[in-house]
């Protein structure tokens, strides 16, 4: 966001494990 540092919000591994930032848990879903 403007004036803020880049932050990680979601990730997915080759094995399809996922992790989310607390601010987006339950709202965002990462998939491949």
ModelCIF file with pLDDT and N, C-alpha, C, O atoms, coordinates in Angstrom:
data_MODEL
#
_entry.id   MODEL 
#
_entity.id                         1 
_entity.type                       polymer 
_entity.pdbx_number_of_molecules   1 
#
_entity_poly.entity_id                      1 
_entity_poly.type                           'polypeptide(L)' 
_entity_poly.nstd_linkage                   no 
_entity_poly.nstd_monomer                   no 
_entity_poly.pdbx_seq_one_letter_code       
;(UNK)(UNK)(UNK)(UNK)(UNK)(UNK)(UNK)(UNK)(UNK)(UNK)(UNK)(UNK)(UNK)(UNK)(UNK)(UNK)
(UNK)(UNK)(UNK)(UNK)(UNK)(UNK)(UNK)(UNK)(UNK)(UNK)(UNK)(UNK)(UNK)(UNK)(UNK)(UNK)
;
_entity_poly.pdbx_seq_one_letter_code_can   XXXXXXXXXXXXXXXXXXXXXXXXXXXXXXXX 
_entity_poly.pdbx_strand_id                 A 
#
loop_
_entity_poly_seq.entity_id 
_entity_poly_seq.num 
_entity_poly_seq.mon_id 
_entity_poly_seq.hetero 
1 1  UNK n 
1 2  UNK n 
1 3  UNK n 
1 4  UNK n 
1 5  UNK n 
1 6  UNK n 
1 7  UNK n 
1 8  UNK n 
1 9  UNK n 
1 10 UNK n 
1 11 UNK n 
1 12 UNK n 
1 13 UNK n 
1 14 UNK n 
1 15 UNK n 
1 16 UNK n 
1 17 UNK n 
1 18 UNK n 
1 19 UNK n 
1 20 UNK n 
1 21 UNK n 
1 22 UNK n 
1 23 UNK n 
1 24 UNK n 
1 25 UNK n 
1 26 UNK n 
1 27 UNK n 
1 28 UNK n 
1 29 UNK n 
1 30 UNK n 
1 31 UNK n 
1 32 UNK n 
#
_struct_asym.id          A 
_struct_asym.entity_id   1 
#
loop_
_ma_qa_metric.id 
_ma_qa_metric.mode 
_ma_qa_metric.name 
_ma_qa_metric.software_group_id 
_ma_qa_metric.type 
1 global pLDDT . pLDDT 
2 local  pLDDT . pLDDT 
#
_ma_qa_metric_global.metric_id      1 
_ma_qa_metric_global.metric_value   95.25 
_ma_qa_metric_global.model_id       1 
_ma_qa_metric_global.ordinal_id     1 
#
loop_
_ma_qa_metric_local.label_asym_id 
_ma_qa_metric_local.label_comp_id 
_ma_qa_metric_local.label_seq_id 
_ma_qa_metric_local.metric_id 
_ma_qa_metric_local.metric_value 
_ma_qa_metric_local.model_id 
_ma_qa_metric_local.ordinal_id 
A UNK 1  2 97.00 1 1  
A UNK 2  2 92.00 1 2  
A UNK 3  2 94.00 1 3  
A UNK 4  2 96.00 1 4  
A UNK 5  2 96.00 1 5  
A UNK 6  2 95.00 1 6  
A UNK 7  2 96.00 1 7  
A UNK 8  2 96.00 1 8  
A UNK 9  2 97.00 1 9  
A UNK 10 2 97.00 1 10 
A UNK 11 2 95.00 1 11 
A UNK 12 2 95.00 1 12 
A UNK 13 2 92.00 1 13 
A UNK 14 2 87.00 1 14 
A UNK 15 2 88.00 1 15 
A UNK 16 2 89.00 1 16 
A UNK 17 2 93.00 1 17 
A UNK 18 2 95.00 1 18 
A UNK 19 2 95.00 1 19 
A UNK 20 2 96.00 1 20 
A UNK 21 2 96.00 1 21 
A UNK 22 2 97.00 1 22 
A UNK 23 2 97.00 1 23 
A UNK 24 2 98.00 1 24 
A UNK 25 2 98.00 1 25 
A UNK 26 2 98.00 1 26 
A UNK 27 2 98.00 1 27 
A UNK 28 2 98.00 1 28 
A UNK 29 2 98.00 1 29 
A UNK 30 2 98.00 1 30 
A UNK 31 2 97.00 1 31 
A UNK 32 2 94.00 1 32 
#
loop_
_atom_site.group_PDB 
_atom_site.id 
_atom_site.type_symbol 
_atom_site.label_atom_id 
_atom_site.label_alt_id 
_atom_site.label_comp_id 
_atom_site.label_asym_id 
_atom_site.label_entity_id 
_atom_site.label_seq_id 
_atom_site.pdbx_PDB_ins_code 
_atom_site.Cartn_x 
_atom_site.Cartn_y 
_atom_site.Cartn_z 
_atom_site.occupancy 
_atom_site.B_iso_or_equiv 
_atom_site.pdbx_formal_charge 
_atom_site.auth_seq_id 
_atom_site.auth_comp_id 
_atom_site.auth_asym_id 
_atom_site.auth_atom_id 
_atom_site.pdbx_PDB_model_num 
ATOM 1   N N  . UNK A 1 1  ? 0.843   -1.180  0.000  1.00 97.00 ? 1  UNK A N  1 
ATOM 2   C CA . UNK A 1 1  ? 0.000   0.000   0.000  1.00 97.00 ? 1  UNK A CA 1 
ATOM 3   C C  . UNK A 1 1  ? 0.886   1.239   0.000  1.00 97.00 ? 1  UNK A C  1 
ATOM 4   O O  . UNK A 1 1  ? 2.043   1.164   0.413  1.00 97.00 ? 1  UNK A O  1 
ATOM 5   N N  . UNK A 1 2  ? 0.366   2.381   -0.455 1.00 92.00 ? 2  UNK A N  1 
ATOM 6   C CA . UNK A 1 2  ? 1.159   3.611   -0.468 1.00 92.00 ? 2  UNK A CA 1 
ATOM 7   C C  . UNK A 1 2  ? 1.719   3.943   0.909  1.00 92.00 ? 2  UNK A C  1 
ATOM 8   O O  . UNK A 1 2  ? 0.985   3.953   1.897  1.00 92.00 ? 2  UNK A O  1 
ATOM 9   N N  . UNK A 1 3  ? 3.016   4.215   0.972  1.00 94.00 ? 3  UNK A N  1 
ATOM 10  C CA . UNK A 1 3  ? 3.657   4.577   2.218  1.00 94.00 ? 3  UNK A CA 1 
ATOM 11  C C  . UNK A 1 3  ? 3.958   3.418   3.144  1.00 94.00 ? 3  UNK A C  1 
ATOM 12  O O  . UNK A 1 3  ? 4.451   3.630   4.252  1.00 94.00 ? 3  UNK A O  1 
ATOM 13  N N  . UNK A 1 4  ? 3.674   2.194   2.716  1.00 96.00 ? 4  UNK A N  1 
ATOM 14  C CA . UNK A 1 4  ? 3.914   1.033   3.551  1.00 96.00 ? 4  UNK A CA 1 
ATOM 15  C C  . UNK A 1 4  ? 4.870   0.062   2.868  1.00 96.00 ? 4  UNK A C  1 
ATOM 16  O O  . UNK A 1 4  ? 5.054   0.106   1.651  1.00 96.00 ? 4  UNK A O  1 
ATOM 17  N N  . UNK A 1 5  ? 5.474   -0.814  3.665  1.00 96.00 ? 5  UNK A N  1 
ATOM 18  C CA . UNK A 1 5  ? 6.373   -1.822  3.134  1.00 96.00 ? 5  UNK A CA 1 
ATOM 19  C C  . UNK A 1 5  ? 5.585   -2.972  2.524  1.00 96.00 ? 5  UNK A C  1 
ATOM 20  O O  . UNK A 1 5  ? 4.444   -3.240  2.899  1.00 96.00 ? 5  UNK A O  1 
ATOM 21  N N  . UNK A 1 6  ? 6.223   -3.639  1.579  1.00 95.00 ? 6  UNK A N  1 
ATOM 22  C CA . UNK A 1 6  ? 5.601   -4.798  0.968  1.00 95.00 ? 6  UNK A CA 1 
ATOM 23  C C  . UNK A 1 6  ? 5.483   -5.922  1.995  1.00 95.00 ? 6  UNK A C  1 
ATOM 24  O O  . UNK A 1 6  ? 6.434   -6.204  2.725  1.00 95.00 ? 6  UNK A O  1 
ATOM 25  N N  . UNK A 1 7  ? 4.324   -6.557  2.050  1.00 96.00 ? 7  UNK A N  1 
ATOM 26  C CA . UNK A 1 7  ? 4.089   -7.605  3.025  1.00 96.00 ? 7  UNK A CA 1 
ATOM 27  C C  . UNK A 1 7  ? 3.565   -8.871  2.360  1.00 96.00 ? 7  UNK A C  1 
ATOM 28  O O  . UNK A 1 7  ? 2.831   -8.818  1.373  1.00 96.00 ? 7  UNK A O  1 
ATOM 29  N N  . UNK A 1 8  ? 3.955   -9.995  2.915  1.00 96.00 ? 8  UNK A N  1 
ATOM 30  C CA . UNK A 1 8  ? 3.490   -11.292 2.438  1.00 96.00 ? 8  UNK A CA 1 
ATOM 31  C C  . UNK A 1 8  ? 2.098   -11.548 2.991  1.00 96.00 ? 8  UNK A C  1 
ATOM 32  O O  . UNK A 1 8  ? 1.876   -11.442 4.198  1.00 96.00 ? 8  UNK A O  1 
ATOM 33  N N  . UNK A 1 9  ? 1.157   -11.886 2.111  1.00 97.00 ? 9  UNK A N  1 
ATOM 34  C CA . UNK A 1 9  ? -0.206  -12.144 2.558  1.00 97.00 ? 9  UNK A CA 1 
ATOM 35  C C  . UNK A 1 9  ? -0.595  -13.610 2.451  1.00 97.00 ? 9  UNK A C  1 
ATOM 36  O O  . UNK A 1 9  ? -1.453  -14.072 3.202  1.00 97.00 ? 9  UNK A O  1 
ATOM 37  N N  . UNK A 1 10 ? 0.018   -14.354 1.533  1.00 97.00 ? 10 UNK A N  1 
ATOM 38  C CA . UNK A 1 10 ? -0.320  -15.764 1.366  1.00 97.00 ? 10 UNK A CA 1 
ATOM 39  C C  . UNK A 1 10 ? 0.782   -16.486 0.616  1.00 97.00 ? 10 UNK A C  1 
ATOM 40  O O  . UNK A 1 10 ? 1.472   -15.887 -0.209 1.00 97.00 ? 10 UNK A O  1 
ATOM 41  N N  . UNK A 1 11 ? 0.953   -17.778 0.900  1.00 95.00 ? 11 UNK A N  1 
ATOM 42  C CA . UNK A 1 11 ? 1.926   -18.582 0.177  1.00 95.00 ? 11 UNK A CA 1 
ATOM 43  C C  . UNK A 1 11 ? 1.395   -19.984 -0.025 1.00 95.00 ? 11 UNK A C  1 
ATOM 44  O O  . UNK A 1 11 ? 0.532   -20.456 0.715  1.00 95.00 ? 11 UNK A O  1 
ATOM 45  N N  . UNK A 1 12 ? 1.930   -20.642 -1.044 1.00 95.00 ? 12 UNK A N  1 
ATOM 46  C CA . UNK A 1 12 ? 1.584   -22.031 -1.304 1.00 95.00 ? 12 UNK A CA 1 
ATOM 47  C C  . UNK A 1 12 ? 2.848   -22.763 -1.719 1.00 95.00 ? 12 UNK A C  1 
ATOM 48  O O  . UNK A 1 12 ? 3.618   -22.257 -2.535 1.00 95.00 ? 12 UNK A O  1 
ATOM 49  N N  . UNK A 1 13 ? 3.071   -23.954 -1.164 1.00 92.00 ? 13 UNK A N  1 
ATOM 50  C CA . UNK A 1 13 ? 4.262   -24.737 -1.465 1.00 92.00 ? 13 UNK A CA 1 
ATOM 51  C C  . UNK A 1 13 ? 3.992   -25.683 -2.623 1.00 92.00 ? 13 UNK A C  1 
ATOM 52  O O  . UNK A 1 13 ? 2.858   -25.813 -3.082 1.00 92.00 ? 13 UNK A O  1 
ATOM 53  N N  . UNK A 1 14 ? 5.054   -26.346 -3.093 1.00 87.00 ? 14 UNK A N  1 
ATOM 54  C CA . UNK A 1 14 ? 4.910   -27.331 -4.158 1.00 87.00 ? 14 UNK A CA 1 
ATOM 55  C C  . UNK A 1 14 ? 4.010   -28.479 -3.730 1.00 87.00 ? 14 UNK A C  1 
ATOM 56  O O  . UNK A 1 14 ? 3.369   -29.117 -4.566 1.00 87.00 ? 14 UNK A O  1 
ATOM 57  N N  . UNK A 1 15 ? 3.961   -28.741 -2.431 1.00 88.00 ? 15 UNK A N  1 
ATOM 58  C CA . UNK A 1 15 ? 3.089   -29.772 -1.898 1.00 88.00 ? 15 UNK A CA 1 
ATOM 59  C C  . UNK A 1 15 ? 1.704   -29.269 -1.553 1.00 88.00 ? 15 UNK A C  1 
ATOM 60  O O  . UNK A 1 15 ? 0.908   -29.996 -0.959 1.00 88.00 ? 15 UNK A O  1 
ATOM 61  N N  . UNK A 1 16 ? 1.408   -28.033 -1.917 1.00 89.00 ? 16 UNK A N  1 
ATOM 62  C CA . UNK A 1 16 ? 0.095   -27.403 -1.742 1.00 89.00 ? 16 UNK A CA 1 
ATOM 63  C C  . UNK A 1 16 ? -0.236  -27.058 -0.301 1.00 89.00 ? 16 UNK A C  1 
ATOM 64  O O  . UNK A 1 16 ? -1.405  -26.863 0.031  1.00 89.00 ? 16 UNK A O  1 
ATOM 65  N N  . UNK A 1 17 ? 0.769   -26.978 0.562  1.00 93.00 ? 17 UNK A N  1 
ATOM 66  C CA . UNK A 1 17 ? 0.548   -26.428 1.890  1.00 93.00 ? 17 UNK A CA 1 
ATOM 67  C C  . UNK A 1 17 ? 0.408   -24.914 1.773  1.00 93.00 ? 17 UNK A C  1 
ATOM 68  O O  . UNK A 1 17 ? 1.059   -24.296 0.931  1.00 93.00 ? 17 UNK A O  1 
ATOM 69  N N  . UNK A 1 18 ? -0.427  -24.320 2.600  1.00 95.00 ? 18 UNK A N  1 
ATOM 70  C CA . UNK A 1 18 ? -0.679  -22.882 2.518  1.00 95.00 ? 18 UNK A CA 1 
ATOM 71  C C  . UNK A 1 18 ? -0.514  -22.207 3.865  1.00 95.00 ? 18 UNK A C  1 
ATOM 72  O O  . UNK A 1 18 ? -0.676  -22.831 4.914  1.00 95.00 ? 18 UNK A O  1 
ATOM 73  N N  . UNK A 1 19 ? -0.190  -20.923 3.822  1.00 95.00 ? 19 UNK A N  1 
ATOM 74  C CA . UNK A 1 19 ? -0.130  -20.090 5.011  1.00 95.00 ? 19 UNK A CA 1 
ATOM 75  C C  . UNK A 1 19 ? -0.605  -18.697 4.655  1.00 95.00 ? 19 UNK A C  1 
ATOM 76  O O  . UNK A 1 19 ? -0.457  -18.245 3.519  1.00 95.00 ? 19 UNK A O  1 
ATOM 77  N N  . UNK A 1 20 ? -1.185  -18.014 5.649  1.00 96.00 ? 20 UNK A N  1 
ATOM 78  C CA . UNK A 1 20 ? -1.765  -16.699 5.424  1.00 96.00 ? 20 UNK A CA 1 
ATOM 79  C C  . UNK A 1 20 ? -1.375  -15.732 6.529  1.00 96.00 ? 20 UNK A C  1 
ATOM 80  O O  . UNK A 1 20 ? -1.151  -16.125 7.673  1.00 96.00 ? 20 UNK A O  1 
ATOM 81  N N  . UNK A 1 21 ? -1.301  -14.465 6.163  1.00 96.00 ? 21 UNK A N  1 
ATOM 82  C CA . UNK A 1 21 ? -1.154  -13.433 7.165  1.00 96.00 ? 21 UNK A CA 1 
ATOM 83  C C  . UNK A 1 21 ? -2.421  -13.379 8.011  1.00 96.00 ? 21 UNK A C  1 
ATOM 84  O O  . UNK A 1 21 ? -3.515  -13.651 7.516  1.00 96.00 ? 21 UNK A O  1 
ATOM 85  N N  . UNK A 1 22 ? -2.272  -13.028 9.283  1.00 97.00 ? 22 UNK A N  1 
ATOM 86  C CA . UNK A 1 22 ? -3.425  -12.989 10.175 1.00 97.00 ? 22 UNK A CA 1 
ATOM 87  C C  . UNK A 1 22 ? -4.523  -12.063 9.659  1.00 97.00 ? 22 UNK A C  1 
ATOM 88  O O  . UNK A 1 22 ? -5.707  -12.319 9.878  1.00 97.00 ? 22 UNK A O  1 
ATOM 89  N N  . UNK A 1 23 ? -4.139  -11.008 8.988  1.00 97.00 ? 23 UNK A N  1 
ATOM 90  C CA . UNK A 1 23 ? -5.103  -10.020 8.528  1.00 97.00 ? 23 UNK A CA 1 
ATOM 91  C C  . UNK A 1 23 ? -6.030  -10.528 7.429  1.00 97.00 ? 23 UNK A C  1 
ATOM 92  O O  . UNK A 1 23 ? -7.071  -9.923  7.173  1.00 97.00 ? 23 UNK A O  1 
ATOM 93  N N  . UNK A 1 24 ? -5.663  -11.634 6.775  1.00 98.00 ? 24 UNK A N  1 
ATOM 94  C CA . UNK A 1 24 ? -6.476  -12.139 5.669  1.00 98.00 ? 24 UNK A CA 1 
ATOM 95  C C  . UNK A 1 24 ? -7.010  -13.538 5.907  1.00 98.00 ? 24 UNK A C  1 
ATOM 96  O O  . UNK A 1 24 ? -7.748  -14.058 5.071  1.00 98.00 ? 24 UNK A O  1 
ATOM 97  N N  . UNK A 1 25 ? -6.661  -14.165 7.022  1.00 98.00 ? 25 UNK A N  1 
ATOM 98  C CA . UNK A 1 25 ? -7.133  -15.513 7.311  1.00 98.00 ? 25 UNK A CA 1 
ATOM 99  C C  . UNK A 1 25 ? -8.657  -15.562 7.330  1.00 98.00 ? 25 UNK A C  1 
ATOM 100 O O  . UNK A 1 25 ? -9.319  -14.708 7.919  1.00 98.00 ? 25 UNK A O  1 
ATOM 101 N N  . UNK A 1 26 ? -9.187  -16.574 6.679  1.00 98.00 ? 26 UNK A N  1 
ATOM 102 C CA . UNK A 1 26 ? -10.629 -16.729 6.611  1.00 98.00 ? 26 UNK A CA 1 
ATOM 103 C C  . UNK A 1 26 ? -11.281 -15.951 5.494  1.00 98.00 ? 26 UNK A C  1 
ATOM 104 O O  . UNK A 1 26 ? -12.458 -16.162 5.201  1.00 98.00 ? 26 UNK A O  1 
ATOM 105 N N  . UNK A 1 27 ? -10.540 -15.049 4.858  1.00 98.00 ? 27 UNK A N  1 
ATOM 106 C CA . UNK A 1 27 ? -11.082 -14.236 3.772  1.00 98.00 ? 27 UNK A CA 1 
ATOM 107 C C  . UNK A 1 27 ? -10.419 -14.520 2.428  1.00 98.00 ? 27 UNK A C  1 
ATOM 108 O O  . UNK A 1 27 ? -11.082 -14.500 1.391  1.00 98.00 ? 27 UNK A O  1 
ATOM 109 N N  . UNK A 1 28 ? -9.114  -14.785 2.442  1.00 98.00 ? 28 UNK A N  1 
ATOM 110 C CA . UNK A 1 28 ? -8.354  -15.031 1.215  1.00 98.00 ? 28 UNK A CA 1 
ATOM 111 C C  . UNK A 1 28 ? -8.015  -16.514 1.107  1.00 98.00 ? 28 UNK A C  1 
ATOM 112 O O  . UNK A 1 28 ? -7.807  -17.188 2.116  1.00 98.00 ? 28 UNK A O  1 
ATOM 113 N N  . UNK A 1 29 ? -7.963  -17.013 -0.123 1.00 98.00 ? 29 UNK A N  1 
ATOM 114 C CA . UNK A 1 29 ? -7.568  -18.385 -0.383 1.00 98.00 ? 29 UNK A CA 1 
ATOM 115 C C  . UNK A 1 29 ? -6.586  -18.423 -1.545 1.00 98.00 ? 29 UNK A C  1 
ATOM 116 O O  . UNK A 1 29 ? -6.885  -17.925 -2.630 1.00 98.00 ? 29 UNK A O  1 
ATOM 117 N N  . UNK A 1 30 ? -5.413  -19.014 -1.321 1.00 98.00 ? 30 UNK A N  1 
ATOM 118 C CA . UNK A 1 30 ? -4.432  -19.179 -2.383 1.00 98.00 ? 30 UNK A CA 1 
ATOM 119 C C  . UNK A 1 30 ? -4.532  -20.603 -2.925 1.00 98.00 ? 30 UNK A C  1 
ATOM 120 O O  . UNK A 1 30 ? -4.719  -21.548 -2.159 1.00 98.00 ? 30 UNK A O  1 
ATOM 121 N N  . UNK A 1 31 ? -4.411  -20.755 -4.224 1.00 97.00 ? 31 UNK A N  1 
ATOM 122 C CA . UNK A 1 31 ? -4.483  -22.068 -4.854 1.00 97.00 ? 31 UNK A CA 1 
ATOM 123 C C  . UNK A 1 31 ? -3.618  -22.085 -6.103 1.00 97.00 ? 31 UNK A C  1 
ATOM 124 O O  . UNK A 1 31 ? -3.135  -21.043 -6.547 1.00 97.00 ? 31 UNK A O  1 
ATOM 125 N N  . UNK A 1 32 ? -3.424  -23.259 -6.662 1.00 94.00 ? 32 UNK A N  1 
ATOM 126 C CA . UNK A 1 32 ? -2.601  -23.382 -7.859 1.00 94.00 ? 32 UNK A CA 1 
ATOM 127 C C  . UNK A 1 32 ? -3.217  -24.364 -8.832 1.00 94.00 ? 32 UNK A C  1 
ATOM 128 O O  . UNK A 1 32 ? -2.662  -24.601 -9.905 1.00 94.00 ? 32 UNK A O  1 
#
